[in-house]
Amino acid sequence: MLALEDTCKAYKKPCVLDAKMGLTTIYEWADEKYKAKNANKDRDTTQSKLGFRVTGFKVWQAEKGEYFVADRNYGKELTPQTMGAAFTKFGTNGLLSPRDVYCGPQGAVAQIRSLKAWFETQQSLLFFAASVLIVYEGAATRAEDANVAIRFIDFAHTFPSKGKRDDNVLRGITVLVDMLQSVGEGDAN
């Protein structure tokens, strides 16, 4: 079954971030061309260090009346030391703060923790190169109007796990939750 959803349809000024999950995007049975291409990406980005990489984001800048777009090259240049600043930039649109976007009962952290809880118990599937998508309303002036949404997307490389937990993705989700919590509480740059 294939399900498509326009995640941004309900937003006036959608702010969107894509984080590719897992310490590696490579699976043993992939062809050599795929392995070589992804080995370089995993090694040269935060993928193998943090368990995820930001592939890009856009955030509405209310004071400028335009989007700041962080493209694929921006994401490739991020390091473990600069990732907090990138999440701060994404969570700051001039109207909302990272605390509004990441913390609180409907924030990104709470929603990703639910995804993490599922990954801690599921033993049916292994996901390679899947992403966590974070979306919020850039025109919102209050946290309760941010309408933060989390989606787990991109299942082209998903396989039966044969009773094993997907620790590859779980590690990335764990680090992502911790980092967003830290940024939201003002403990990271």
N, C-alpha and C. Protein backbone atom coordinates (compact mmCIF):
# COMPACT_ATOMS: atom_id res chain seq x y z
N MET A 1 0.84 -1.17 0.00
CA MET A 1 0.00 0.00 0.00
C MET A 1 0.88 1.24 0.00
N LEU A 2 0.50 2.23 -0.74
CA LEU A 2 1.20 3.50 -0.80
C LEU A 2 0.24 4.59 -0.36
N ALA A 3 0.67 5.40 0.59
CA ALA A 3 -0.16 6.51 1.06
C ALA A 3 0.61 7.81 0.86
N LEU A 4 -0.01 8.76 0.21
CA LEU A 4 0.61 10.06 0.00
C LEU A 4 -0.17 11.10 0.79
N GLU A 5 0.57 12.05 1.35
CA GLU A 5 -0.05 13.11 2.13
C GLU A 5 0.69 14.41 1.85
N ASP A 6 -0.04 15.47 1.60
CA ASP A 6 0.56 16.79 1.48
C ASP A 6 0.64 17.37 2.90
N THR A 7 1.74 17.13 3.55
CA THR A 7 1.91 17.50 4.96
C THR A 7 1.80 19.00 5.17
N CYS A 8 2.13 19.79 4.17
CA CYS A 8 2.16 21.25 4.32
C CYS A 8 0.86 21.94 3.90
N LYS A 9 -0.11 21.19 3.44
CA LYS A 9 -1.33 21.77 2.88
C LYS A 9 -2.05 22.71 3.85
N ALA A 10 -2.09 22.38 5.12
CA ALA A 10 -2.86 23.17 6.10
C ALA A 10 -2.11 24.40 6.61
N TYR A 11 -0.90 24.63 6.14
CA TYR A 11 -0.06 25.71 6.67
C TYR A 11 -0.03 26.91 5.72
N LYS A 12 -0.04 28.12 6.29
CA LYS A 12 0.10 29.33 5.48
C LYS A 12 1.56 29.56 5.11
N LYS A 13 2.44 29.42 6.08
CA LYS A 13 3.88 29.61 5.89
C LYS A 13 4.60 28.41 6.50
N PRO A 14 4.56 27.26 5.82
CA PRO A 14 5.15 26.05 6.42
C PRO A 14 6.66 26.15 6.58
N CYS A 15 7.11 25.80 7.77
CA CYS A 15 8.53 25.65 8.05
C CYS A 15 8.78 24.14 8.10
N VAL A 16 9.74 23.66 7.32
CA VAL A 16 9.92 22.22 7.13
C VAL A 16 11.38 21.85 7.26
N LEU A 17 11.65 20.76 8.01
CA LEU A 17 13.00 20.23 8.16
C LEU A 17 12.96 18.73 7.91
N ASP A 18 13.94 18.23 7.14
CA ASP A 18 14.07 16.80 6.85
C ASP A 18 15.36 16.30 7.48
N ALA A 19 15.25 15.29 8.35
CA ALA A 19 16.42 14.66 8.97
C ALA A 19 16.45 13.19 8.59
N LYS A 20 17.47 12.81 7.82
CA LYS A 20 17.65 11.42 7.39
C LYS A 20 18.20 10.63 8.57
N MET A 21 17.51 9.54 8.94
CA MET A 21 17.80 8.84 10.19
C MET A 21 18.69 7.62 10.02
N GLY A 22 19.45 7.33 11.08
CA GLY A 22 20.28 6.13 11.15
C GLY A 22 21.76 6.45 11.13
N LEU A 23 22.54 5.64 11.83
CA LEU A 23 24.00 5.79 11.80
C LEU A 23 24.55 5.48 10.42
N THR A 24 23.84 4.65 9.69
CA THR A 24 24.20 4.34 8.31
C THR A 24 22.94 4.24 7.47
N THR A 25 23.08 4.58 6.20
CA THR A 25 21.97 4.43 5.26
C THR A 25 22.20 3.21 4.36
N ILE A 26 23.20 2.42 4.69
CA ILE A 26 23.61 1.28 3.86
C ILE A 26 23.13 -0.03 4.48
N TYR A 27 22.60 -0.90 3.66
CA TYR A 27 22.23 -2.24 4.10
C TYR A 27 23.11 -3.24 3.35
N GLU A 28 23.41 -4.36 4.00
CA GLU A 28 24.37 -5.35 3.50
C GLU A 28 24.09 -5.82 2.09
N TRP A 29 22.84 -6.00 1.74
CA TRP A 29 22.48 -6.60 0.46
C TRP A 29 22.28 -5.59 -0.66
N ALA A 30 22.61 -4.32 -0.40
CA ALA A 30 22.52 -3.30 -1.45
C ALA A 30 23.60 -3.55 -2.51
N ASP A 31 23.36 -3.03 -3.73
CA ASP A 31 24.38 -3.18 -4.76
C ASP A 31 25.57 -2.28 -4.44
N GLU A 32 26.69 -2.58 -5.06
CA GLU A 32 27.95 -1.88 -4.74
C GLU A 32 27.90 -0.39 -5.06
N LYS A 33 27.21 -0.02 -6.11
CA LYS A 33 27.09 1.40 -6.47
C LYS A 33 26.37 2.17 -5.36
N TYR A 34 25.27 1.62 -4.87
CA TYR A 34 24.51 2.24 -3.78
C TYR A 34 25.38 2.33 -2.53
N LYS A 35 26.08 1.26 -2.22
CA LYS A 35 26.94 1.25 -1.02
C LYS A 35 28.01 2.33 -1.10
N ALA A 36 28.68 2.43 -2.24
CA ALA A 36 29.76 3.42 -2.39
C ALA A 36 29.23 4.84 -2.26
N LYS A 37 28.13 5.13 -2.93
CA LYS A 37 27.54 6.48 -2.88
C LYS A 37 27.16 6.86 -1.45
N ASN A 38 26.51 5.96 -0.76
CA ASN A 38 26.03 6.26 0.58
C ASN A 38 27.12 6.18 1.65
N ALA A 39 28.15 5.38 1.43
CA ALA A 39 29.26 5.32 2.39
C ALA A 39 29.91 6.69 2.50
N ASN A 40 30.09 7.37 1.38
CA ASN A 40 30.68 8.71 1.40
C ASN A 40 29.78 9.70 2.13
N LYS A 41 28.49 9.66 1.84
CA LYS A 41 27.55 10.58 2.52
C LYS A 41 27.54 10.33 4.02
N ASP A 42 27.48 9.07 4.40
CA ASP A 42 27.45 8.73 5.83
C ASP A 42 28.71 9.21 6.53
N ARG A 43 29.86 8.98 5.92
CA ARG A 43 31.14 9.32 6.52
C ARG A 43 31.37 10.83 6.57
N ASP A 44 31.00 11.52 5.49
CA ASP A 44 31.33 12.94 5.35
C ASP A 44 30.30 13.89 5.97
N THR A 45 29.24 13.35 6.55
CA THR A 45 28.22 14.18 7.19
C THR A 45 28.08 13.74 8.65
N THR A 46 27.07 14.23 9.31
CA THR A 46 26.84 13.85 10.71
C THR A 46 26.17 12.48 10.83
N GLN A 47 25.83 11.86 9.71
CA GLN A 47 25.10 10.58 9.73
C GLN A 47 25.77 9.56 10.64
N SER A 48 27.06 9.30 10.42
CA SER A 48 27.75 8.25 11.18
C SER A 48 28.15 8.70 12.58
N LYS A 49 28.06 9.98 12.86
CA LYS A 49 28.46 10.50 14.17
C LYS A 49 27.25 10.69 15.10
N LEU A 50 26.19 11.27 14.57
CA LEU A 50 25.00 11.56 15.38
C LEU A 50 23.87 10.56 15.19
N GLY A 51 23.90 9.86 14.07
CA GLY A 51 22.80 8.94 13.76
C GLY A 51 21.72 9.60 12.93
N PHE A 52 22.00 10.79 12.41
CA PHE A 52 21.10 11.47 11.47
C PHE A 52 21.87 12.59 10.79
N ARG A 53 21.32 13.05 9.68
CA ARG A 53 21.84 14.25 9.04
C ARG A 53 20.66 15.09 8.58
N VAL A 54 20.81 16.39 8.66
CA VAL A 54 19.79 17.30 8.16
C VAL A 54 20.02 17.44 6.66
N THR A 55 19.04 17.04 5.87
CA THR A 55 19.20 17.13 4.42
C THR A 55 18.76 18.49 3.89
N GLY A 56 18.09 19.27 4.74
CA GLY A 56 17.69 20.61 4.37
C GLY A 56 16.52 21.08 5.21
N PHE A 57 16.29 22.38 5.18
CA PHE A 57 15.11 22.94 5.83
C PHE A 57 14.80 24.31 5.25
N LYS A 58 13.58 24.74 5.49
CA LYS A 58 13.20 26.12 5.19
C LYS A 58 12.41 26.65 6.37
N VAL A 59 12.68 27.90 6.72
CA VAL A 59 11.99 28.52 7.85
C VAL A 59 11.54 29.92 7.43
N TRP A 60 10.28 30.24 7.73
CA TRP A 60 9.73 31.56 7.43
C TRP A 60 10.35 32.57 8.37
N GLN A 61 10.89 33.65 7.83
CA GLN A 61 11.46 34.74 8.63
C GLN A 61 10.47 35.90 8.58
N ALA A 62 9.66 35.99 9.63
CA ALA A 62 8.56 36.96 9.65
C ALA A 62 9.06 38.39 9.48
N GLU A 63 10.18 38.73 10.12
CA GLU A 63 10.67 40.11 10.06
C GLU A 63 11.15 40.50 8.66
N LYS A 64 11.59 39.53 7.87
CA LYS A 64 12.06 39.80 6.51
C LYS A 64 10.98 39.52 5.45
N GLY A 65 9.95 38.79 5.85
CA GLY A 65 8.90 38.44 4.89
C GLY A 65 9.36 37.48 3.82
N GLU A 66 10.31 36.60 4.17
CA GLU A 66 10.82 35.62 3.21
C GLU A 66 11.33 34.39 3.93
N TYR A 67 11.55 33.35 3.16
CA TYR A 67 12.09 32.11 3.72
C TYR A 67 13.61 32.13 3.76
N PHE A 68 14.17 31.55 4.81
CA PHE A 68 15.57 31.16 4.81
C PHE A 68 15.57 29.70 4.40
N VAL A 69 16.32 29.37 3.36
CA VAL A 69 16.37 28.00 2.86
C VAL A 69 17.77 27.44 3.08
N ALA A 70 17.82 26.36 3.82
CA ALA A 70 19.07 25.62 4.03
C ALA A 70 19.01 24.40 3.12
N ASP A 71 19.79 24.43 2.05
CA ASP A 71 19.72 23.37 1.07
C ASP A 71 20.60 22.18 1.44
N ARG A 72 20.71 21.24 0.53
CA ARG A 72 21.49 20.02 0.75
C ARG A 72 22.94 20.34 1.12
N ASN A 73 23.52 21.33 0.46
CA ASN A 73 24.92 21.68 0.75
C ASN A 73 25.07 22.22 2.17
N TYR A 74 24.11 23.00 2.63
CA TYR A 74 24.11 23.48 4.02
C TYR A 74 24.14 22.29 4.97
N GLY A 75 23.27 21.32 4.71
CA GLY A 75 23.21 20.13 5.55
C GLY A 75 24.50 19.33 5.55
N LYS A 76 25.15 19.24 4.40
CA LYS A 76 26.41 18.49 4.30
C LYS A 76 27.52 19.14 5.12
N GLU A 77 27.45 20.46 5.28
CA GLU A 77 28.49 21.19 6.01
C GLU A 77 28.31 21.15 7.53
N LEU A 78 27.15 20.73 7.99
CA LEU A 78 26.90 20.69 9.44
C LEU A 78 27.80 19.66 10.12
N THR A 79 28.18 19.96 11.34
CA THR A 79 28.99 19.06 12.16
C THR A 79 28.23 18.81 13.46
N PRO A 80 28.69 17.86 14.27
CA PRO A 80 28.05 17.70 15.58
C PRO A 80 28.08 19.00 16.39
N GLN A 81 29.11 19.80 16.20
CA GLN A 81 29.26 21.05 16.95
C GLN A 81 28.33 22.15 16.44
N THR A 82 27.94 22.12 15.18
CA THR A 82 27.10 23.18 14.62
C THR A 82 25.63 22.78 14.46
N MET A 83 25.32 21.52 14.74
CA MET A 83 23.95 21.05 14.56
C MET A 83 22.97 21.79 15.47
N GLY A 84 23.35 22.07 16.70
CA GLY A 84 22.47 22.80 17.62
C GLY A 84 22.10 24.17 17.06
N ALA A 85 23.07 24.86 16.47
CA ALA A 85 22.80 26.17 15.88
C ALA A 85 21.83 26.05 14.71
N ALA A 86 21.94 24.98 13.94
CA ALA A 86 21.01 24.77 12.82
C ALA A 86 19.59 24.56 13.34
N PHE A 87 19.44 23.77 14.41
CA PHE A 87 18.11 23.56 14.99
C PHE A 87 17.57 24.84 15.63
N THR A 88 18.45 25.66 16.19
CA THR A 88 18.03 26.96 16.72
C THR A 88 17.51 27.83 15.58
N LYS A 89 18.24 27.86 14.46
CA LYS A 89 17.82 28.66 13.30
C LYS A 89 16.46 28.19 12.79
N PHE A 90 16.28 26.88 12.68
CA PHE A 90 15.00 26.35 12.19
C PHE A 90 13.86 26.68 13.15
N GLY A 91 14.10 26.64 14.44
CA GLY A 91 13.05 26.87 15.43
C GLY A 91 12.80 28.33 15.75
N THR A 92 13.52 29.25 15.09
CA THR A 92 13.39 30.68 15.37
C THR A 92 12.94 31.37 14.09
N ASN A 93 11.72 31.87 14.08
CA ASN A 93 11.22 32.53 12.87
C ASN A 93 10.88 34.01 13.10
N GLY A 94 11.23 34.53 14.26
CA GLY A 94 10.91 35.92 14.57
C GLY A 94 9.60 36.08 15.33
N LEU A 95 8.79 35.04 15.33
CA LEU A 95 7.52 35.04 16.05
C LEU A 95 7.51 33.97 17.14
N LEU A 96 8.13 32.84 16.84
CA LEU A 96 8.21 31.71 17.77
C LEU A 96 9.66 31.47 18.14
N SER A 97 9.86 30.76 19.23
CA SER A 97 11.20 30.40 19.67
C SER A 97 11.37 28.88 19.56
N PRO A 98 12.61 28.39 19.66
CA PRO A 98 12.81 26.94 19.68
C PRO A 98 12.01 26.25 20.79
N ARG A 99 11.85 26.91 21.92
CA ARG A 99 11.03 26.33 23.00
C ARG A 99 9.59 26.10 22.51
N ASP A 100 9.04 27.06 21.78
CA ASP A 100 7.68 26.93 21.25
C ASP A 100 7.56 25.76 20.28
N VAL A 101 8.56 25.57 19.46
CA VAL A 101 8.51 24.54 18.42
C VAL A 101 8.85 23.16 18.96
N TYR A 102 9.86 23.09 19.83
CA TYR A 102 10.37 21.78 20.25
C TYR A 102 9.80 21.27 21.57
N CYS A 103 9.56 22.16 22.52
CA CYS A 103 9.15 21.73 23.86
C CYS A 103 7.63 21.88 24.03
N GLY A 104 7.11 21.34 25.10
CA GLY A 104 5.68 21.44 25.36
C GLY A 104 4.95 20.18 24.92
N PRO A 105 3.70 20.07 25.33
CA PRO A 105 2.95 18.83 25.10
C PRO A 105 2.71 18.50 23.62
N GLN A 106 2.65 19.49 22.75
CA GLN A 106 2.44 19.25 21.32
C GLN A 106 3.67 19.56 20.48
N GLY A 107 4.81 19.79 21.14
CA GLY A 107 6.03 20.13 20.43
C GLY A 107 6.68 18.94 19.75
N ALA A 108 7.72 19.23 19.00
CA ALA A 108 8.42 18.19 18.24
C ALA A 108 8.99 17.11 19.14
N VAL A 109 9.54 17.49 20.29
CA VAL A 109 10.16 16.50 21.19
C VAL A 109 9.14 15.47 21.65
N ALA A 110 7.98 15.91 22.10
CA ALA A 110 6.95 14.97 22.57
C ALA A 110 6.52 14.02 21.46
N GLN A 111 6.38 14.55 20.26
CA GLN A 111 5.94 13.71 19.15
C GLN A 111 7.02 12.72 18.72
N ILE A 112 8.27 13.17 18.71
CA ILE A 112 9.36 12.26 18.33
C ILE A 112 9.57 11.21 19.42
N ARG A 113 9.31 11.56 20.67
CA ARG A 113 9.39 10.55 21.74
C ARG A 113 8.38 9.42 21.51
N SER A 114 7.21 9.75 20.99
CA SER A 114 6.23 8.71 20.66
C SER A 114 6.77 7.80 19.57
N LEU A 115 7.40 8.38 18.57
CA LEU A 115 8.03 7.59 17.51
C LEU A 115 9.15 6.72 18.09
N LYS A 116 9.93 7.30 18.99
CA LYS A 116 11.01 6.55 19.65
C LYS A 116 10.46 5.35 20.42
N ALA A 117 9.37 5.55 21.14
CA ALA A 117 8.76 4.46 21.91
C ALA A 117 8.36 3.31 20.99
N TRP A 118 7.85 3.65 19.81
CA TRP A 118 7.50 2.61 18.85
C TRP A 118 8.75 1.85 18.39
N PHE A 119 9.81 2.59 18.09
CA PHE A 119 11.05 1.95 17.64
C PHE A 119 11.68 1.09 18.73
N GLU A 120 11.47 1.43 19.99
CA GLU A 120 12.04 0.63 21.08
C GLU A 120 11.40 -0.75 21.18
N THR A 121 10.19 -0.90 20.67
CA THR A 121 9.50 -2.19 20.80
C THR A 121 9.29 -2.92 19.48
N GLN A 122 9.26 -2.23 18.36
CA GLN A 122 8.96 -2.91 17.10
C GLN A 122 10.14 -3.74 16.64
N GLN A 123 9.85 -4.94 16.18
CA GLN A 123 10.89 -5.85 15.69
C GLN A 123 10.48 -6.46 14.35
N SER A 124 9.77 -5.70 13.56
CA SER A 124 9.28 -6.19 12.28
C SER A 124 10.03 -5.62 11.08
N LEU A 125 10.51 -4.38 11.21
CA LEU A 125 11.07 -3.68 10.05
C LEU A 125 12.40 -3.02 10.37
N LEU A 126 13.25 -2.95 9.34
CA LEU A 126 14.49 -2.17 9.37
C LEU A 126 14.34 -1.07 8.33
N PHE A 127 14.63 0.17 8.73
CA PHE A 127 14.49 1.32 7.85
C PHE A 127 15.88 1.88 7.53
N PHE A 128 16.17 2.03 6.25
CA PHE A 128 17.42 2.65 5.83
C PHE A 128 17.08 3.88 4.99
N ALA A 129 17.70 5.00 5.31
CA ALA A 129 17.53 6.27 4.58
C ALA A 129 16.11 6.83 4.69
N ALA A 130 15.39 6.47 5.75
CA ALA A 130 14.08 7.09 6.03
C ALA A 130 14.33 8.40 6.79
N SER A 131 13.33 9.24 6.84
CA SER A 131 13.51 10.57 7.44
C SER A 131 12.44 10.89 8.47
N VAL A 132 12.82 11.75 9.41
CA VAL A 132 11.86 12.43 10.27
C VAL A 132 11.65 13.81 9.66
N LEU A 133 10.40 14.14 9.38
CA LEU A 133 10.04 15.44 8.84
C LEU A 133 9.39 16.24 9.97
N ILE A 134 9.88 17.45 10.19
CA ILE A 134 9.31 18.36 11.19
C ILE A 134 8.69 19.53 10.44
N VAL A 135 7.42 19.82 10.73
CA VAL A 135 6.71 20.92 10.08
C VAL A 135 6.04 21.76 11.16
N TYR A 136 6.09 23.09 11.00
CA TYR A 136 5.30 23.96 11.88
C TYR A 136 4.86 25.20 11.12
N GLU A 137 3.89 25.89 11.69
CA GLU A 137 3.32 27.08 11.05
C GLU A 137 4.20 28.30 11.31
N GLY A 138 4.82 28.80 10.25
CA GLY A 138 5.70 29.96 10.36
C GLY A 138 4.97 31.26 10.61
N ALA A 139 3.68 31.31 10.35
CA ALA A 139 2.90 32.53 10.59
C ALA A 139 2.31 32.58 11.99
N ALA A 140 2.51 31.52 12.78
CA ALA A 140 1.96 31.48 14.14
C ALA A 140 2.67 32.48 15.04
N THR A 141 1.91 33.10 15.93
CA THR A 141 2.49 34.04 16.89
C THR A 141 2.52 33.46 18.30
N ARG A 142 1.85 32.31 18.49
CA ARG A 142 1.81 31.66 19.80
C ARG A 142 2.14 30.18 19.62
N ALA A 143 2.76 29.60 20.64
CA ALA A 143 3.15 28.19 20.58
C ALA A 143 1.95 27.29 20.29
N GLU A 144 0.82 27.59 20.88
CA GLU A 144 -0.36 26.73 20.69
C GLU A 144 -0.90 26.78 19.26
N ASP A 145 -0.47 27.77 18.48
CA ASP A 145 -0.90 27.87 17.08
C ASP A 145 0.16 27.37 16.09
N ALA A 146 1.27 26.90 16.61
CA ALA A 146 2.37 26.45 15.73
C ALA A 146 2.02 25.19 14.95
N ASN A 147 1.09 24.39 15.47
CA ASN A 147 0.64 23.18 14.78
C ASN A 147 1.83 22.31 14.34
N VAL A 148 2.72 22.04 15.27
CA VAL A 148 3.90 21.22 14.98
C VAL A 148 3.46 19.82 14.60
N ALA A 149 4.02 19.32 13.52
CA ALA A 149 3.71 17.96 13.06
C ALA A 149 5.00 17.22 12.77
N ILE A 150 5.03 15.96 13.15
CA ILE A 150 6.15 15.07 12.88
C ILE A 150 5.64 13.96 11.98
N ARG A 151 6.40 13.64 10.95
CA ARG A 151 6.08 12.51 10.09
C ARG A 151 7.36 11.69 9.89
N PHE A 152 7.20 10.38 9.87
CA PHE A 152 8.30 9.48 9.52
C PHE A 152 8.05 9.10 8.07
N ILE A 153 9.00 9.43 7.18
CA ILE A 153 8.76 9.34 5.73
C ILE A 153 9.90 8.62 5.01
N ASP A 154 9.68 8.35 3.74
CA ASP A 154 10.68 7.79 2.82
C ASP A 154 11.03 6.34 3.17
N PHE A 155 10.20 5.44 2.74
CA PHE A 155 10.38 4.02 3.06
C PHE A 155 10.87 3.17 1.90
N ALA A 156 11.56 3.77 0.94
CA ALA A 156 12.02 3.02 -0.23
C ALA A 156 12.97 1.89 0.14
N HIS A 157 13.71 2.05 1.23
CA HIS A 157 14.70 1.04 1.65
C HIS A 157 14.30 0.48 3.01
N THR A 158 13.15 -0.16 3.06
CA THR A 158 12.61 -0.76 4.29
C THR A 158 12.47 -2.25 4.07
N PHE A 159 12.93 -3.02 5.07
CA PHE A 159 12.99 -4.48 4.92
C PHE A 159 12.52 -5.17 6.19
N PRO A 160 12.08 -6.42 6.07
CA PRO A 160 11.73 -7.19 7.27
C PRO A 160 12.95 -7.33 8.18
N SER A 161 12.74 -7.26 9.48
CA SER A 161 13.87 -7.28 10.43
C SER A 161 14.15 -8.66 11.00
N LYS A 162 13.27 -9.60 10.77
CA LYS A 162 13.46 -10.96 11.29
C LYS A 162 13.61 -10.97 12.81
N GLY A 163 12.76 -10.19 13.47
CA GLY A 163 12.74 -10.19 14.93
C GLY A 163 13.79 -9.34 15.60
N LYS A 164 14.49 -8.49 14.85
CA LYS A 164 15.51 -7.61 15.44
C LYS A 164 14.99 -6.18 15.54
N ARG A 165 15.37 -5.52 16.62
CA ARG A 165 15.03 -4.11 16.79
C ARG A 165 15.91 -3.27 15.86
N ASP A 166 15.39 -2.17 15.35
CA ASP A 166 16.13 -1.29 14.45
C ASP A 166 16.95 -0.29 15.27
N ASP A 167 18.07 -0.75 15.81
CA ASP A 167 18.92 0.12 16.63
C ASP A 167 19.61 1.20 15.81
N ASN A 168 19.76 0.99 14.51
CA ASN A 168 20.36 1.98 13.62
C ASN A 168 19.55 3.28 13.65
N VAL A 169 18.25 3.18 13.42
CA VAL A 169 17.38 4.36 13.44
C VAL A 169 17.11 4.81 14.87
N LEU A 170 16.95 3.88 15.77
CA LEU A 170 16.67 4.23 17.17
C LEU A 170 17.76 5.11 17.75
N ARG A 171 19.01 4.83 17.42
CA ARG A 171 20.12 5.66 17.91
C ARG A 171 19.95 7.10 17.42
N GLY A 172 19.66 7.26 16.14
CA GLY A 172 19.48 8.61 15.58
C GLY A 172 18.31 9.35 16.21
N ILE A 173 17.21 8.65 16.42
CA ILE A 173 16.04 9.27 17.04
C ILE A 173 16.35 9.71 18.47
N THR A 174 17.10 8.88 19.19
CA THR A 174 17.47 9.21 20.57
C THR A 174 18.31 10.48 20.62
N VAL A 175 19.31 10.58 19.75
CA VAL A 175 20.17 11.77 19.71
C VAL A 175 19.36 12.98 19.26
N LEU A 176 18.48 12.81 18.27
CA LEU A 176 17.65 13.91 17.79
C LEU A 176 16.77 14.47 18.91
N VAL A 177 16.11 13.59 19.65
CA VAL A 177 15.26 14.03 20.77
C VAL A 177 16.09 14.81 21.79
N ASP A 178 17.24 14.27 22.17
CA ASP A 178 18.09 14.93 23.16
C ASP A 178 18.54 16.31 22.67
N MET A 179 18.92 16.39 21.40
CA MET A 179 19.41 17.65 20.86
C MET A 179 18.29 18.69 20.77
N LEU A 180 17.12 18.29 20.30
CA LEU A 180 16.00 19.24 20.22
C LEU A 180 15.56 19.70 21.60
N GLN A 181 15.57 18.80 22.57
CA GLN A 181 15.24 19.16 23.95
C GLN A 181 16.23 20.21 24.47
N SER A 182 17.50 19.98 24.22
CA SER A 182 18.54 20.90 24.67
C SER A 182 18.39 22.27 24.01
N VAL A 183 18.17 22.29 22.70
CA VAL A 183 17.98 23.55 21.99
C VAL A 183 16.73 24.26 22.50
N GLY A 184 15.65 23.52 22.68
CA GLY A 184 14.40 24.11 23.16
C GLY A 184 14.50 24.70 24.55
N GLU A 185 15.36 24.11 25.37
CA GLU A 185 15.56 24.62 26.72
C GLU A 185 16.63 25.71 26.77
N GLY A 186 17.20 26.03 25.62
CA GLY A 186 18.21 27.09 25.55
C GLY A 186 19.59 26.68 25.97
N ASP A 187 19.87 25.36 25.97
CA ASP A 187 21.17 24.86 26.40
C ASP A 187 22.15 24.63 25.26
N ALA A 188 21.73 24.85 24.02
CA ALA A 188 22.61 24.61 22.86
C ALA A 188 22.53 25.80 21.92
N ASN A 189 23.56 25.96 21.11
CA ASN A 189 23.58 27.05 20.12
C ASN A 189 23.38 26.49 18.73
